[in-house]
C-alpha atoms as a PDB file:
ATOM      1  CA  GLY A   1     119.297 127.821 137.743  1.00  0.00           C
ATOM      2  CA  LYS A   2     117.913 128.516 134.279  1.00  0.00           C
ATOM      3  CA  VAL A   3     115.073 130.599 132.891  1.00  0.00           C
ATOM      4  CA  HIS A   4     112.325 128.525 131.227  1.00  0.00           C
ATOM      5  CA  ASN A   5     109.748 131.260 130.805  1.00  0.00           C
ATOM      6  CA  THR A   6     107.625 131.455 127.652  1.00  0.00           C
ATOM      7  CA  SER A   7     104.524 133.457 126.781  1.00  0.00           C
ATOM      8  CA  GLY A   8     101.553 132.327 128.869  1.00  0.00           C
ATOM      9  CA  ASP A   9     103.658 129.882 130.882  1.00  0.00           C
ATOM     10  CA  LEU A  10     102.237 128.342 134.043  1.00  0.00           C
ATOM     11  CA  LEU A  11     103.975 127.343 137.255  1.00  0.00           C
ATOM     12  CA  HIS A  12     102.567 124.111 138.711  1.00  0.00           C
ATOM     13  CA  HIS A  13      99.260 124.689 136.870  1.00  0.00           C
ATOM     14  CA  ARG A  14      98.971 128.263 138.192  1.00  0.00           C
ATOM     15  CA  PRO A  15      99.733 131.586 136.440  1.00  0.00           C
ATOM     16  CA  LEU A  16     103.081 133.169 137.222  1.00  0.00           C
ATOM     17  CA  PRO A  17     102.931 136.282 139.442  1.00  0.00           C
ATOM     18  CA  ASP A  18     103.433 139.596 137.679  1.00  0.00           C
ATOM     19  CA  GLY A  19     107.084 140.554 137.333  1.00  0.00           C
ATOM     20  CA  HIS A  20     108.334 136.975 137.729  1.00  0.00           C
ATOM     21  CA  LEU A  21     109.815 134.331 135.428  1.00  0.00           C
ATOM     22  CA  LYS A  22     109.769 130.547 135.601  1.00  0.00           C
ATOM     23  CA  VAL A  23     113.205 129.330 136.745  1.00  0.00           C
ATOM     24  CA  SER A  24     114.500 125.811 137.379  1.00  0.00           C
ATOM     25  CA  VAL A  25     116.633 125.211 140.477  1.00  0.00           C
ATOM     26  CA  ASP A  26     119.611 122.954 139.776  1.00  0.00           C
ATOM     27  CA  VAL A  27     122.270 123.936 142.323  1.00  0.00           C
ATOM     28  CA  VAL A  28     121.999 125.856 145.604  1.00  0.00           C
ATOM     29  CA  LEU A  29     125.140 127.612 146.837  1.00  0.00           C
ATOM     30  CA  ASP A  30     123.671 128.742 150.154  1.00  0.00           C
ATOM     31  CA  LYS A  31     121.739 125.919 151.856  1.00  0.00           C
ATOM     32  CA  ASP A  32     119.879 128.434 154.038  1.00  0.00           C
ATOM     33  CA  ALA A  33     118.827 130.736 151.171  1.00  0.00           C
ATOM     34  CA  LEU A  34     115.121 131.580 151.117  1.00  0.00           C
ATOM     35  CA  LEU A  35     112.776 131.318 148.159  1.00  0.00           C
ATOM     36  CA  PRO A  36     111.711 134.744 146.831  1.00  0.00           C
ATOM     37  CA  ILE A  37     108.120 133.482 146.937  1.00  0.00           C
ATOM     38  CA  PRO A  38     107.420 130.654 149.428  1.00  0.00           C
ATOM     39  CA  ASP A  39     105.151 127.839 148.280  1.00  0.00           C
ATOM     40  CA  ILE A  40     101.893 128.370 150.160  1.00  0.00           C
ATOM     41  CA  VAL A  41     100.576 124.826 149.649  1.00  0.00           C
ATOM     42  CA  SER A  42     103.651 122.922 150.868  1.00  0.00           C
ATOM     43  CA  GLU A  43     104.992 125.756 153.056  1.00  0.00           C
ATOM     44  CA  THR A  44     108.365 125.369 151.329  1.00  0.00           C
ATOM     45  CA  THR A  45     110.557 128.360 152.119  1.00  0.00           C
ATOM     46  CA  LEU A  46     114.131 127.206 151.415  1.00  0.00           C
ATOM     47  CA  LEU A  47     115.793 127.008 148.009  1.00  0.00           C
ATOM     48  CA  ARG A  48     117.384 123.648 148.824  1.00  0.00           C
ATOM     49  CA  ASP A  49     113.913 122.079 149.044  1.00  0.00           C
ATOM     50  CA  ALA A  50     113.160 123.232 145.488  1.00  0.00           C
ATOM     51  CA  ILE A  51     116.121 121.529 143.761  1.00  0.00           C
ATOM     52  CA  GLY A  52     114.971 119.803 140.581  1.00  0.00           C
ATOM     53  CA  SER A  53     111.748 121.805 140.306  1.00  0.00           C
ATOM     54  CA  PHE A  54     110.555 125.177 139.036  1.00  0.00           C
ATOM     55  CA  VAL A  55     110.043 128.350 141.064  1.00  0.00           C
ATOM     56  CA  ALA A  56     108.880 131.907 140.401  1.00  0.00           C
ATOM     57  CA  TRP A  57     111.856 134.280 140.389  1.00  0.00           C
ATOM     58  CA  PRO A  58     111.604 138.110 140.449  1.00  0.00           C
ATOM     59  CA  LEU A  59     112.531 139.692 137.137  1.00  0.00           C
ATOM     60  CA  ASP A  60     114.750 142.299 138.811  1.00  0.00           C
ATOM     61  CA  LEU A  61     116.940 139.493 140.208  1.00  0.00           C
ATOM     62  CA  ILE A  62     117.559 138.001 136.755  1.00  0.00           C
ATOM     63  CA  PHE A  63     120.278 139.446 134.543  1.00  0.00           C
ATOM     64  CA  ILE A  64     119.730 138.986 130.809  1.00  0.00           C
ATOM     65  CA  ASP A  65     122.484 139.882 128.345  1.00  0.00           C
ATOM     66  CA  ASP A  66     122.216 140.373 124.583  1.00  0.00           C
ATOM     67  CA  GLU A  67     120.446 137.583 122.735  1.00  0.00           C
ATOM     68  CA  VAL A  68     121.919 135.731 119.798  1.00  0.00           C
ATOM     69  CA  PHE A  69     119.449 134.252 117.356  1.00  0.00           C
ATOM     70  CA  ALA A  70     120.028 131.569 114.701  1.00  0.00           C
ATOM     71  CA  GLN A  71     117.690 129.696 112.378  1.00  0.00           C
ATOM     72  CA  GLY A  72     115.423 127.201 114.099  1.00  0.00           C
ATOM     73  CA  SER A  73     114.504 126.964 117.745  1.00  0.00           C
ATOM     74  CA  GLN A  74     117.123 124.270 118.299  1.00  0.00           C
ATOM     75  CA  GLN A  75     119.821 126.708 117.196  1.00  0.00           C
ATOM     76  CA  LEU A  76     118.609 129.588 119.334  1.00  0.00           C
ATOM     77  CA  SER A  77     121.187 130.786 121.864  1.00  0.00           C
ATOM     78  CA  GLN A  78     120.799 133.338 124.596  1.00  0.00           C
ATOM     79  CA  LYS A  79     123.155 134.692 127.197  1.00  0.00           C
ATOM     80  CA  ILE A  80     121.500 134.421 130.561  1.00  0.00           C
ATOM     81  CA  GLY A  81     123.058 134.799 133.990  1.00  0.00           C
ATOM     82  CA  SER A  82     121.745 135.359 137.471  1.00  0.00           C
ATOM     83  CA  ARG A  83     122.818 137.708 140.247  1.00  0.00           C
ATOM     84  CA  GLN A  84     122.175 137.854 143.966  1.00  0.00           C
ATOM     85  CA  LYS A  85     120.363 140.623 145.823  1.00  0.00           C
ATOM     86  CA  ASN A  86     123.649 142.266 146.724  1.00  0.00           C
ATOM     87  CA  LYS A  87     124.572 142.369 142.999  1.00  0.00           C
ATOM     88  CA  ARG A  88     127.637 140.200 143.646  1.00  0.00           C
ATOM     89  CA  ASP A  89     128.079 137.687 140.811  1.00  0.00           C
ATOM     90  CA  LEU A  90     128.640 134.111 141.945  1.00  0.00           C
ATOM     91  CA  PRO A  91     130.328 131.538 139.667  1.00  0.00           C
ATOM     92  CA  VAL A  92     128.375 128.437 138.752  1.00  0.00           C
ATOM     93  CA  THR A  93     131.473 126.255 138.656  1.00  0.00           C
ATOM     94  CA  SER A  94     134.970 126.582 139.999  1.00  0.00           C
ATOM     95  CA  LEU A  95     138.008 126.427 137.766  1.00  0.00           C
ATOM     96  CA  PRO A  96     140.667 123.763 138.363  1.00  0.00           C
ATOM     97  CA  LYS A  97     143.330 124.830 140.846  1.00  0.00           C
ATOM     98  CA  LYS A  98     146.650 125.937 139.447  1.00  0.00           C
ATOM     99  CA  GLY A  99     148.873 122.935 138.872  1.00  0.00           C
ATOM    100  CA  ALA A 100     145.963 120.467 139.117  1.00  0.00           C
ATOM    101  CA  PHE A 101     145.897 117.606 136.621  1.00  0.00           C
ATOM    102  CA  VAL A 102     143.346 118.145 133.855  1.00  0.00           C
ATOM    103  CA  PRO A 103     142.563 115.131 131.619  1.00  0.00           C
ATOM    104  CA  ARG A 104     143.348 115.572 127.934  1.00  0.00           C
ATOM    105  CA  TYR A 105     139.779 114.758 126.902  1.00  0.00           C
ATOM    106  CA  GLN A 106     138.474 117.529 129.180  1.00  0.00           C
ATOM    107  CA  ILE A 107     140.790 120.078 127.576  1.00  0.00           C
ATOM    108  CA  SER A 108     139.693 118.928 124.103  1.00  0.00           C
ATOM    109  CA  LEU A 109     135.991 119.145 124.944  1.00  0.00           C
ATOM    110  CA  GLU A 110     136.313 122.576 126.538  1.00  0.00           C
ATOM    111  CA  THR A 111     138.259 123.798 123.506  1.00  0.00           C
ATOM    112  CA  LEU A 112     135.474 122.498 121.255  1.00  0.00           C
ATOM    113  CA  VAL A 113     132.834 124.376 123.249  1.00  0.00           C
ATOM    114  CA  ASP A 114     134.927 127.558 123.336  1.00  0.00           C
ATOM    115  CA  SER A 115     135.111 127.497 119.537  1.00  0.00           C
ATOM    116  CA  SER A 116     131.324 127.218 119.176  1.00  0.00           C
ATOM    117  CA  ASP A 117     128.439 129.629 119.698  1.00  0.00           C
ATOM    118  CA  MET A 118     128.264 128.361 123.295  1.00  0.00           C
ATOM    119  CA  ALA A 119     131.606 129.942 124.201  1.00  0.00           C
ATOM    120  CA  THR A 120     130.217 132.853 126.221  1.00  0.00           C
ATOM    121  CA  ALA A 121     129.460 132.253 129.890  1.00  0.00           C
ATOM    122  CA  GLY A 122     125.700 132.166 130.404  1.00  0.00           C
ATOM    123  CA  ALA A 123     124.931 131.119 126.811  1.00  0.00           C
ATOM    124  CA  ILE A 124     122.192 128.534 126.421  1.00  0.00           C
ATOM    125  CA  ARG A 125     120.600 126.538 123.636  1.00  0.00           C
ATOM    126  CA  LEU A 126     116.908 125.688 123.486  1.00  0.00           C
ATOM    127  CA  LEU A 127     115.940 122.124 122.620  1.00  0.00           C
ATOM    128  CA  ASP A 128     112.419 121.146 121.595  1.00  0.00           C
ATOM    129  CA  MET A 129     111.127 118.036 123.380  1.00  0.00           C
ATOM    130  CA  GLU A 130     108.429 116.292 121.356  1.00  0.00           C
ATOM    131  CA  GLU A 131     105.228 115.129 123.024  1.00  0.00           C
ATOM    132  CA  ASP A 132     106.109 111.484 122.455  1.00  0.00           C
ATOM    133  CA  ILE A 133     109.158 111.729 124.754  1.00  0.00           C
ATOM    134  CA  PHE A 134     107.459 112.655 128.054  1.00  0.00           C
ATOM    135  CA  GLY A 135     103.794 112.700 127.086  1.00  0.00           C
ATOM    136  CA  TYR A 136     103.772 116.484 126.649  1.00  0.00           C
ATOM    137  CA  SER A 137     105.714 118.937 124.505  1.00  0.00           C
ATOM    138  CA  CYS A 138     108.144 121.353 126.149  1.00  0.00           C
ATOM    139  CA  THR A 139     111.400 123.214 125.614  1.00  0.00           C
ATOM    140  CA  GLU A 140     114.563 122.177 127.451  1.00  0.00           C
ATOM    141  CA  THR A 141     117.699 124.271 127.856  1.00  0.00           C
ATOM    142  CA  ILE A 142     121.367 123.321 127.869  1.00  0.00           C
ATOM    143  CA  GLY A 143     124.057 125.847 128.704  1.00  0.00           C
ATOM    144  CA  LYS A 144     127.811 126.150 128.775  1.00  0.00           C
ATOM    145  CA  GLU A 145     127.766 125.633 132.527  1.00  0.00           C
ATOM    146  CA  ASP A 146     125.929 122.331 132.010  1.00  0.00           C
ATOM    147  CA  LEU A 147     128.635 121.176 129.621  1.00  0.00           C
ATOM    148  CA  GLU A 148     131.316 122.154 132.125  1.00  0.00           C
ATOM    149  CA  HIS A 149     129.556 120.069 134.768  1.00  0.00           C
ATOM    150  CA  ILE A 150     129.835 117.056 132.453  1.00  0.00           C
ATOM    151  CA  PHE A 151     133.484 117.662 131.581  1.00  0.00           C
ATOM    152  CA  ARG A 152     134.462 118.087 135.234  1.00  0.00           C
ATOM    153  CA  HIS A 153     132.310 115.247 136.585  1.00  0.00           C
ATOM    154  CA  GLN A 154     130.214 117.603 138.704  1.00  0.00           C
ATOM    155  CA  GLU A 155     126.565 117.317 139.713  1.00  0.00           C
ATOM    156  CA  LEU A 156     124.268 117.336 136.682  1.00  0.00           C
ATOM    157  CA  GLY A 157     121.033 119.289 136.391  1.00  0.00           C
ATOM    158  CA  VAL A 158     117.699 118.168 134.989  1.00  0.00           C
ATOM    159  CA  GLY A 159     118.465 119.846 131.653  1.00  0.00           C
ATOM    160  CA  VAL A 160     121.479 117.594 131.067  1.00  0.00           C
ATOM    161  CA  ILE A 161     119.518 114.436 131.902  1.00  0.00           C
ATOM    162  CA  HIS A 162     116.637 115.427 129.618  1.00  0.00           C
ATOM    163  CA  THR A 163     119.015 116.339 126.796  1.00  0.00           C
ATOM    164  CA  TYR A 164     120.537 112.862 127.018  1.00  0.00           C
ATOM    165  CA  ILE A 165     117.041 111.355 126.948  1.00  0.00           C
ATOM    166  CA  ARG A 166     116.380 113.344 123.776  1.00  0.00           C
ATOM    167  CA  PHE A 167     119.582 111.827 122.315  1.00  0.00           C
ATOM    168  CA  LEU A 168     118.385 108.312 123.193  1.00  0.00           C
ATOM    169  CA  TYR A 169     114.974 109.042 121.686  1.00  0.00           C
ATOM    170  CA  ASP A 170     116.412 110.410 118.438  1.00  0.00           C
ATOM    171  CA  ASN A 171     118.935 107.617 117.951  1.00  0.00           C
ATOM    172  CA  PHE A 172     117.113 104.537 119.221  1.00  0.00           C
ATOM    173  CA  THR A 173     113.344 104.782 119.676  1.00  0.00           C
ATOM    174  CA  ARG A 174     112.232 107.282 117.024  1.00  0.00           C
ATOM    175  CA  GLY A 175     111.005 105.303 114.026  1.00  0.00           C
ATOM    176  CA  ASN A 176     111.781 101.989 115.730  1.00  0.00           C
ATOM    177  CA  ASP A 177     108.436 100.407 116.608  1.00  0.00           C
ATOM    178  CA  GLN A 178     110.029  97.565 118.544  1.00  0.00           C
ATOM    179  CA  LEU A 179     111.947  99.863 120.903  1.00  0.00           C
ATOM    180  CA  SER A 180     109.354 102.654 121.081  1.00  0.00           C
ATOM    181  CA  ASN A 181     106.687 100.132 122.089  1.00  0.00           C
ATOM    182  CA  ARG A 182     108.946  98.806 124.837  1.00  0.00           C
ATOM    183  CA  PHE A 183     110.757 101.813 126.348  1.00  0.00           C
ATOM    184  CA  ARG A 184     109.326 105.185 127.366  1.00  0.00           C
ATOM    185  CA  PHE A 185     110.445 108.008 129.630  1.00  0.00           C
ATOM    186  CA  VAL A 186     109.156 109.860 132.699  1.00  0.00           C
ATOM    187  CA  SER A 187     109.897 113.573 133.070  1.00  0.00           C
ATOM    188  CA  SER A 188     112.112 114.472 136.029  1.00  0.00           C
ATOM    189  CA  SER A 189     110.701 118.005 135.882  1.00  0.00           C
ATOM    190  CA  LEU A 190     107.166 116.855 136.692  1.00  0.00           C
ATOM    191  CA  VAL A 191     108.043 114.046 139.117  1.00  0.00           C
ATOM    192  CA  ASN A 192     110.950 114.822 141.436  1.00  0.00           C
ATOM    193  CA  LYS A 193     111.831 114.930 145.124  1.00  0.00           C
ATOM    194  CA  ALA A 194     110.587 118.477 145.652  1.00  0.00           C
ATOM    195  CA  LEU A 195     107.247 117.969 143.882  1.00  0.00           C
ATOM    196  CA  ILE A 196     106.633 114.555 145.463  1.00  0.00           C
ATOM    197  CA  CYS A 197     106.788 116.223 148.883  1.00  0.00           C
ATOM    198  CA  ARG A 198     105.100 119.436 147.815  1.00  0.00           C
ATOM    199  CA  GLU A 199     102.475 118.434 145.237  1.00  0.00           C
ATOM    200  CA  PRO A 200     102.049 114.633 145.396  1.00  0.00           C
ATOM    201  CA  ASP A 201      98.672 114.735 143.657  1.00  0.00           C
ATOM    202  CA  SER A 202     100.089 116.406 140.532  1.00  0.00           C
ATOM    203  CA  CYS A 203     102.888 113.803 140.407  1.00  0.00           C
ATOM    204  CA  ARG A 204     100.408 110.941 140.674  1.00  0.00           C
ATOM    205  CA  GLU A 205      98.169 112.524 138.052  1.00  0.00           C
ATOM    206  CA  TYR A 206     101.038 112.783 135.562  1.00  0.00           C
ATOM    207  CA  LEU A 207     102.232 109.213 136.206  1.00  0.00           C
ATOM    208  CA  VAL A 208      98.736 107.739 135.892  1.00  0.00           C
ATOM    209  CA  LYS A 209      98.152 109.624 132.651  1.00  0.00           C
ATOM    210  CA  ARG A 210     101.537 108.503 131.353  1.00  0.00           C
ATOM    211  CA  PHE A 211     100.956 104.855 132.238  1.00  0.00           C
ATOM    212  CA  MET A 212      97.368 104.806 130.939  1.00  0.00           C
ATOM    213  CA  ALA A 213      98.592 105.928 127.516  1.00  0.00           C
ATOM    214  CA  SER A 214     100.432 102.619 127.247  1.00  0.00           C
ATOM    215  CA  SER A 215      98.687  99.828 125.374  1.00  0.00           C
ATOM    216  CA  THR A 216     101.582  97.377 125.452  1.00  0.00           C
ATOM    217  CA  ASN A 217     104.123  96.074 127.946  1.00  0.00           C
ATOM    218  CA  ASN A 218     106.088  99.308 128.270  1.00  0.00           C
ATOM    219  CA  LEU A 219     109.046  99.855 130.573  1.00  0.00           C
ATOM    220  CA  TYR A 220     109.173 103.470 131.774  1.00  0.00           C
ATOM    221  CA  LEU A 221     112.612 104.903 132.553  1.00  0.00           C
ATOM    222  CA  TRP A 222     112.553 107.557 135.284  1.00  0.00           C
ATOM    223  CA  PRO A 223     115.741 109.418 136.351  1.00  0.00           C
ATOM    224  CA  TYR A 224     115.329 110.428 139.993  1.00  0.00           C
ATOM    225  CA  ASN A 225     117.530 112.869 141.903  1.00  0.00           C
ATOM    226  CA  SER A 226     117.744 112.028 145.605  1.00  0.00           C
ATOM    227  CA  GLY A 227     119.163 115.485 146.319  1.00  0.00           C
ATOM    228  CA  CYS A 228     122.797 114.932 145.430  1.00  0.00           C
ATOM    229  CA  HIS A 229     122.787 111.752 143.358  1.00  0.00           C
ATOM    230  CA  TRP A 230     120.913 110.505 140.286  1.00  0.00           C
ATOM    231  CA  LEU A 231     119.165 107.125 140.425  1.00  0.00           C
ATOM    232  CA  LEU A 232     117.308 105.302 137.647  1.00  0.00           C
ATOM    233  CA  LEU A 233     113.950 103.622 138.114  1.00  0.00           C
ATOM    234  CA  ALA A 234     112.514 101.298 135.474  1.00  0.00           C
ATOM    235  CA  ILE A 235     108.765 100.913 135.991  1.00  0.00           C
ATOM    236  CA  ASP A 236     106.641  98.129 134.488  1.00  0.00           C
ATOM    237  CA  PRO A 237     103.020  99.217 135.177  1.00  0.00           C
ATOM    238  CA  LEU A 238     101.499  96.047 133.725  1.00  0.00           C
ATOM    239  CA  LYS A 239     103.480  93.744 136.036  1.00  0.00           C
ATOM    240  CA  GLU A 240     103.490  96.320 138.865  1.00  0.00           C
ATOM    241  CA  VAL A 241     107.256  95.957 139.172  1.00  0.00           C
ATOM    242  CA  VAL A 242     109.795  98.741 139.804  1.00  0.00           C
ATOM    243  CA  TYR A 243     113.471  98.091 139.075  1.00  0.00           C
ATOM    244  CA  PHE A 244     115.914 100.195 141.106  1.00  0.00           C
ATOM    245  CA  LEU A 245     119.313 100.986 139.559  1.00  0.00           C
ATOM    246  CA  ASN A 246     121.961 102.743 141.647  1.00  0.00           C
ATOM    247  CA  SER A 247     125.486 103.380 140.368  1.00  0.00           C
ATOM    248  CA  ILE A 248     126.805 103.362 143.938  1.00  0.00           C
ATOM    249  CA  ASP A 249     126.072 101.043 146.842  1.00  0.00           C
ATOM    250  CA  GLY A 250     122.780 101.727 148.543  1.00  0.00           C
ATOM    251  CA  GLU A 251     119.365 100.141 149.033  1.00  0.00           C
ATOM    252  CA  TRP A 252     116.178 101.737 147.747  1.00  0.00           C
ATOM    253  CA  THR A 253     114.978 101.942 151.363  1.00  0.00           C
ATOM    254  CA  ASN A 254     117.577 104.680 151.893  1.00  0.00           C
ATOM    255  CA  TYR A 255     115.343 107.051 149.882  1.00  0.00           C
ATOM    256  CA  PRO A 256     112.043 107.265 151.827  1.00  0.00           C
ATOM    257  CA  ASP A 257     110.707 110.200 149.797  1.00  0.00           C
ATOM    258  CA  MET A 258     110.902 108.056 146.656  1.00  0.00           C
ATOM    259  CA  LYS A 259     108.519 105.480 148.162  1.00  0.00           C
ATOM    260  CA  GLN A 260     105.717 108.045 148.194  1.00  0.00           C
END
């Protein structure tokens, strides 16, 4: 996971406990691992049920290296890693096996990253997300491990998806009234599988607020993680139509939690 904590930050509209930071859960190595602090409302106790959402993580279980600052919040890099209770470091990704074929483009991309300020394992970059993107302003993180997931075609976290949405916003909808009045985005951090099951009212509240802000025939694009696979929903609130896009075979009825 990644640390998203800022001064005065809240976790699901509630203050963080003392001695804890706000952490996003992207990948769970041990499917039976317990949450440090169970969710009292939903009675969620397992880490695997919190994938794609935020949790409170004890400060003494988070390892923070030296920080590297640059001008501007978008150029800020930090070296952040996590460690288990037994102090045994666990790798986020596995390296290709000896003798395995590695595509040339992957080697080129990894070389590019290694020559940048993101070369150190655990380094991250903070990316400001304007209010117009998701209906609220926030800060997203992208780390070297996230880039490696892309290069190696591994499971992508919410940070990667949101960073790509920021790219689409900057290059297509910003300053383009025709596109910005037609396409908008839904945050996967505020509406995801874990929160739909755990805090359905907060998900509905965000979606209603997001849709009510629309005065035209908007199409809202919502990336949804079913637990191990990303889907894309395109929602037309005015026509009350939801378009379901799946890159692999599968009907929308295969995802009952999404229907909530």
